[in-house]
Amino acid sequence: MPQLWDRIAGRREPAADPMLTLETQAHLSRLTRELWRLDGVRGDFAHAHHVRAAQGAYEGVLRRALRLAGGDDRAHPLGDVVGLELELSSRGWAW
């Protein structure tokens, strides 16, 4: 019922902080570049660990970005990076 009263009173949810949005997009860009760099390098166990850590960080930032954009990251199972990317893109995000 509080949402109804907020709509009647003309109150809106506060918009996401544009600087936080920009910072998150920059973080996604850096992680994307790192993943591309790691994809071109073959290595040992330490390299594989670094790749998995970067992938986990990328998914975590995607989830944070989706929440910033007003989406629900819980609707996507763990590992659904493509789904997260698609939903963010549909909300106008680019990185």
C-alpha atoms as a PDB file:
ATOM      1  CA  MET A   1       0.000   0.000   0.000  1.00  0.00           C
ATOM      2  CA  PRO A   2       2.878   2.465   0.557  1.00  0.00           C
ATOM      3  CA  GLN A   3       3.649   2.371  -3.177  1.00  0.00           C
ATOM      4  CA  LEU A   4       0.097   3.457  -3.979  1.00  0.00           C
ATOM      5  CA  TRP A   5       0.375   6.397  -1.586  1.00  0.00           C
ATOM      6  CA  ASP A   6       3.711   7.347  -3.087  1.00  0.00           C
ATOM      7  CA  ARG A   7       2.162   7.388  -6.566  1.00  0.00           C
ATOM      8  CA  ILE A   8      -0.827   9.408  -5.381  1.00  0.00           C
ATOM      9  CA  ALA A   9       1.457  11.905  -3.640  1.00  0.00           C
ATOM     10  CA  GLY A  10       3.613  12.170  -6.768  1.00  0.00           C
ATOM     11  CA  ARG A  11       6.707  10.796  -5.061  1.00  0.00           C
ATOM     12  CA  ARG A  12       9.194   8.880  -7.127  1.00  0.00           C
ATOM     13  CA  GLU A  13      11.986   6.557  -6.236  1.00  0.00           C
ATOM     14  CA  PRO A  14      15.268   8.436  -6.188  1.00  0.00           C
ATOM     15  CA  ALA A  15      17.199   8.083  -9.427  1.00  0.00           C
ATOM     16  CA  ALA A  16      20.482   6.232  -9.353  1.00  0.00           C
ATOM     17  CA  ASP A  17      23.491   8.435  -8.711  1.00  0.00           C
ATOM     18  CA  PRO A  18      24.905   9.231 -12.185  1.00  0.00           C
ATOM     19  CA  MET A  19      28.486   9.155 -10.900  1.00  0.00           C
ATOM     20  CA  LEU A  20      27.958   5.703  -9.402  1.00  0.00           C
ATOM     21  CA  THR A  21      26.445   4.573 -12.708  1.00  0.00           C
ATOM     22  CA  LEU A  22      29.440   5.926 -14.642  1.00  0.00           C
ATOM     23  CA  GLU A  23      31.869   4.331 -12.191  1.00  0.00           C
ATOM     24  CA  THR A  24      30.114   0.970 -12.555  1.00  0.00           C
ATOM     25  CA  GLN A  25      30.180   1.211 -16.366  1.00  0.00           C
ATOM     26  CA  ALA A  26      33.911   2.004 -16.245  1.00  0.00           C
ATOM     27  CA  HIS A  27      34.468  -0.973 -13.931  1.00  0.00           C
ATOM     28  CA  LEU A  28      32.614  -3.232 -16.386  1.00  0.00           C
ATOM     29  CA  SER A  29      34.790  -1.907 -19.237  1.00  0.00           C
ATOM     30  CA  ARG A  30      37.998  -2.614 -17.317  1.00  0.00           C
ATOM     31  CA  LEU A  31      36.888  -6.146 -16.452  1.00  0.00           C
ATOM     32  CA  THR A  32      35.834  -6.785 -20.064  1.00  0.00           C
ATOM     33  CA  ARG A  33      39.285  -5.711 -21.300  1.00  0.00           C
ATOM     34  CA  GLU A  34      40.939  -7.925 -18.685  1.00  0.00           C
ATOM     35  CA  LEU A  35      38.869 -10.938 -19.750  1.00  0.00           C
ATOM     36  CA  TRP A  36      39.734 -10.322 -23.414  1.00  0.00           C
ATOM     37  CA  ARG A  37      43.416 -10.045 -22.500  1.00  0.00           C
ATOM     38  CA  LEU A  38      43.308 -13.261 -20.492  1.00  0.00           C
ATOM     39  CA  ASP A  39      41.534 -15.059 -23.323  1.00  0.00           C
ATOM     40  CA  GLY A  40      44.546 -14.529 -25.578  1.00  0.00           C
ATOM     41  CA  VAL A  41      47.028 -15.930 -23.061  1.00  0.00           C
ATOM     42  CA  ARG A  42      47.531 -19.582 -22.273  1.00  0.00           C
ATOM     43  CA  GLY A  43      48.963 -20.492 -18.949  1.00  0.00           C
ATOM     44  CA  ASP A  44      49.033 -22.746 -15.971  1.00  0.00           C
ATOM     45  CA  PHE A  45      46.872 -23.209 -12.896  1.00  0.00           C
ATOM     46  CA  ALA A  46      47.520 -19.650 -11.703  1.00  0.00           C
ATOM     47  CA  HIS A  47      46.298 -18.300 -15.043  1.00  0.00           C
ATOM     48  CA  ALA A  48      43.110 -20.365 -14.801  1.00  0.00           C
ATOM     49  CA  HIS A  49      42.544 -19.055 -11.279  1.00  0.00           C
ATOM     50  CA  HIS A  50      42.985 -15.480 -12.504  1.00  0.00           C
ATOM     51  CA  VAL A  51      40.446 -16.077 -15.305  1.00  0.00           C
ATOM     52  CA  ARG A  52      37.876 -17.481 -12.877  1.00  0.00           C
ATOM     53  CA  ALA A  53      38.419 -14.594 -10.461  1.00  0.00           C
ATOM     54  CA  ALA A  54      37.944 -12.045 -13.264  1.00  0.00           C
ATOM     55  CA  GLN A  55      34.793 -13.833 -14.476  1.00  0.00           C
ATOM     56  CA  GLY A  56      33.349 -13.837 -10.963  1.00  0.00           C
ATOM     57  CA  ALA A  57      34.139 -10.156 -10.512  1.00  0.00           C
ATOM     58  CA  TYR A  58      32.544  -9.360 -13.883  1.00  0.00           C
ATOM     59  CA  GLU A  59      29.342 -11.175 -12.957  1.00  0.00           C
ATOM     60  CA  GLY A  60      29.260  -9.441  -9.582  1.00  0.00           C
ATOM     61  CA  VAL A  61      29.579  -6.008 -11.164  1.00  0.00           C
ATOM     62  CA  LEU A  62      26.911  -6.932 -13.745  1.00  0.00           C
ATOM     63  CA  ARG A  63      24.549  -7.793 -10.897  1.00  0.00           C
ATOM     64  CA  ARG A  64      25.308  -4.531  -9.102  1.00  0.00           C
ATOM     65  CA  ALA A  65      24.756  -2.619 -12.357  1.00  0.00           C
ATOM     66  CA  LEU A  66      21.407  -4.308 -12.921  1.00  0.00           C
ATOM     67  CA  ARG A  67      20.264  -3.304  -9.435  1.00  0.00           C
ATOM     68  CA  LEU A  68      21.398   0.264 -10.156  1.00  0.00           C
ATOM     69  CA  ALA A  69      19.356   0.193 -13.367  1.00  0.00           C
ATOM     70  CA  GLY A  70      16.267  -0.862 -11.419  1.00  0.00           C
ATOM     71  CA  GLY A  71      16.343  -4.546 -12.307  1.00  0.00           C
ATOM     72  CA  ASP A  72      16.258  -7.646 -10.143  1.00  0.00           C
ATOM     73  CA  ASP A  73      19.461  -9.645 -10.427  1.00  0.00           C
ATOM     74  CA  ARG A  74      17.909 -12.479  -8.396  1.00  0.00           C
ATOM     75  CA  ALA A  75      15.853 -13.365 -11.476  1.00  0.00           C
ATOM     76  CA  HIS A  76      19.088 -14.613 -13.078  1.00  0.00           C
ATOM     77  CA  PRO A  77      20.780 -17.789 -11.812  1.00  0.00           C
ATOM     78  CA  LEU A  78      24.481 -17.806 -11.001  1.00  0.00           C
ATOM     79  CA  GLY A  79      26.533 -17.883 -14.172  1.00  0.00           C
ATOM     80  CA  ASP A  80      23.864 -16.252 -16.348  1.00  0.00           C
ATOM     81  CA  VAL A  81      26.231 -13.556 -17.585  1.00  0.00           C
ATOM     82  CA  VAL A  82      24.604 -13.327 -21.017  1.00  0.00           C
ATOM     83  CA  GLY A  83      21.164 -12.816 -19.476  1.00  0.00           C
ATOM     84  CA  LEU A  84      22.509 -10.072 -17.220  1.00  0.00           C
ATOM     85  CA  GLU A  85      24.264  -8.377 -20.147  1.00  0.00           C
ATOM     86  CA  LEU A  86      21.119  -8.539 -22.273  1.00  0.00           C
ATOM     87  CA  GLU A  87      18.909  -7.080 -19.569  1.00  0.00           C
ATOM     88  CA  LEU A  88      21.366  -4.263 -18.898  1.00  0.00           C
ATOM     89  CA  SER A  89      21.612  -3.524 -22.621  1.00  0.00           C
ATOM     90  CA  SER A  90      17.830  -3.425 -22.890  1.00  0.00           C
ATOM     91  CA  ARG A  91      17.861  -0.799 -20.126  1.00  0.00           C
ATOM     92  CA  GLY A  92      20.200   1.415 -22.152  1.00  0.00           C
ATOM     93  CA  TRP A  93      23.496   0.486 -20.531  1.00  0.00           C
ATOM     94  CA  ALA A  94      26.701   0.314 -22.558  1.00  0.00           C
ATOM     95  CA  TRP A  95      30.242  -0.391 -21.427  1.00  0.00           C
END
